[in-house]
Amino acid sequence: MSLEIMSPETPSDQPHGSAAKLVYMANQIGKFFRSQGEDTAVQGTAEHIKKFWDPRMRSAIFAHLAAGGRGLDPIARKAVERLKELTAA
């Protein structure tokens, strides 16, 4: 499994097609919460990913973050980092 962001046309065995799709989804969640302030947005994004993404999706976004996290907006990046820390604890 490649950790690079692939184009939507690239076949992959990753959930939802690619790391690019997961980055897009995380960024969209972050944008939804952004108007509530950064701290609340980060927490809300992390909670949403924890509640609604299956473990394979979370593992894939953690792997993408470990590979540099290219494309993640600041709120989404902080949320994934926070969630990864809580998962590791």
Protein backbone atom coordinates (compact mmCIF):
# COMPACT_ATOMS: atom_id res chain seq x y z
CA MET A 1 0.00 0.00 0.00
CA SER A 2 1.44 3.33 -1.03
CA LEU A 3 1.42 6.20 1.43
CA GLU A 4 1.58 8.78 -1.33
CA ILE A 5 -1.46 10.80 -2.25
CA MET A 6 -2.74 9.22 -5.42
CA SER A 7 -5.03 10.63 -8.03
CA PRO A 8 -8.68 9.58 -7.77
CA GLU A 9 -8.18 7.46 -10.89
CA THR A 10 -5.46 5.34 -9.26
CA PRO A 11 -6.80 2.00 -8.03
CA SER A 12 -5.98 1.21 -4.43
CA ASP A 13 -6.93 -1.19 -1.69
CA GLN A 14 -7.15 1.70 0.75
CA PRO A 15 -10.59 2.52 2.17
CA HIS A 16 -12.40 5.07 0.00
CA GLY A 17 -9.82 4.67 -2.75
CA SER A 18 -6.78 6.60 -1.60
CA ALA A 19 -5.02 8.66 1.00
CA ALA A 20 -6.16 11.67 -1.04
CA LYS A 21 -9.78 10.78 -0.34
CA LEU A 22 -9.13 10.45 3.40
CA VAL A 23 -7.28 13.78 3.43
CA TYR A 24 -10.20 15.38 1.59
CA MET A 25 -12.68 13.93 4.08
CA ALA A 26 -10.65 15.03 7.13
CA ASN A 27 -10.28 18.53 5.69
CA GLN A 28 -14.02 18.76 5.02
CA ILE A 29 -14.78 17.78 8.62
CA GLY A 30 -12.32 20.41 9.85
CA LYS A 31 -13.93 23.06 7.66
CA PHE A 32 -17.34 22.20 9.11
CA PHE A 33 -16.10 22.87 12.66
CA ARG A 34 -13.78 25.82 11.81
CA SER A 35 -16.33 28.54 12.70
CA GLN A 36 -16.36 27.28 16.30
CA GLY A 37 -12.74 28.31 16.91
CA GLU A 38 -9.57 26.30 16.46
CA ASP A 39 -9.58 24.33 19.73
CA THR A 40 -13.22 23.29 19.35
CA ALA A 41 -12.68 22.55 15.65
CA VAL A 42 -9.72 20.29 16.37
CA GLN A 43 -11.62 18.46 19.11
CA GLY A 44 -14.77 18.13 16.99
CA THR A 45 -12.82 16.83 14.00
CA ALA A 46 -10.96 14.29 16.14
CA GLU A 47 -14.22 13.11 17.74
CA HIS A 48 -15.91 12.75 14.37
CA ILE A 49 -13.04 10.68 12.97
CA LYS A 50 -13.00 8.54 16.12
CA LYS A 51 -16.75 7.90 16.03
CA PHE A 52 -17.44 7.52 12.32
CA TRP A 53 -14.29 6.26 10.59
CA ASP A 54 -13.60 2.56 10.71
CA PRO A 55 -10.25 1.38 12.15
CA ARG A 56 -8.74 0.83 8.67
CA MET A 57 -9.50 4.42 7.71
CA ARG A 58 -7.97 5.74 10.94
CA SER A 59 -4.88 3.56 10.44
CA ALA A 60 -4.50 4.83 6.89
CA ILE A 61 -4.73 8.50 7.90
CA PHE A 62 -2.24 7.87 10.76
CA ALA A 63 0.15 6.27 8.25
CA HIS A 64 -0.31 9.24 5.93
CA LEU A 65 0.44 11.61 8.81
CA ALA A 66 3.58 9.61 9.66
CA ALA A 67 4.67 9.95 6.02
CA GLY A 68 4.42 13.74 6.27
CA GLY A 69 0.68 14.36 6.15
CA ARG A 70 0.78 16.15 2.81
CA GLY A 71 -2.47 17.96 2.04
CA LEU A 72 -3.92 18.02 5.55
CA ASP A 73 -5.21 21.45 6.55
CA PRO A 74 -3.97 22.68 9.97
CA ILE A 75 -7.18 21.78 11.83
CA ALA A 76 -7.36 18.31 10.30
CA ARG A 77 -3.65 17.71 10.93
CA LYS A 78 -3.94 18.70 14.60
CA ALA A 79 -7.05 16.53 14.97
CA VAL A 80 -5.34 13.48 13.48
CA GLU A 81 -2.25 14.11 15.64
CA ARG A 82 -4.43 14.38 18.76
CA LEU A 83 -6.38 11.28 17.90
CA LYS A 84 -3.19 9.34 17.20
CA GLU A 85 -1.77 10.39 20.60
CA LEU A 86 -4.95 9.29 22.37
CA THR A 87 -4.96 5.98 20.50
CA ALA A 88 -1.33 5.32 21.43
CA ALA A 89 -1.90 6.06 25.13
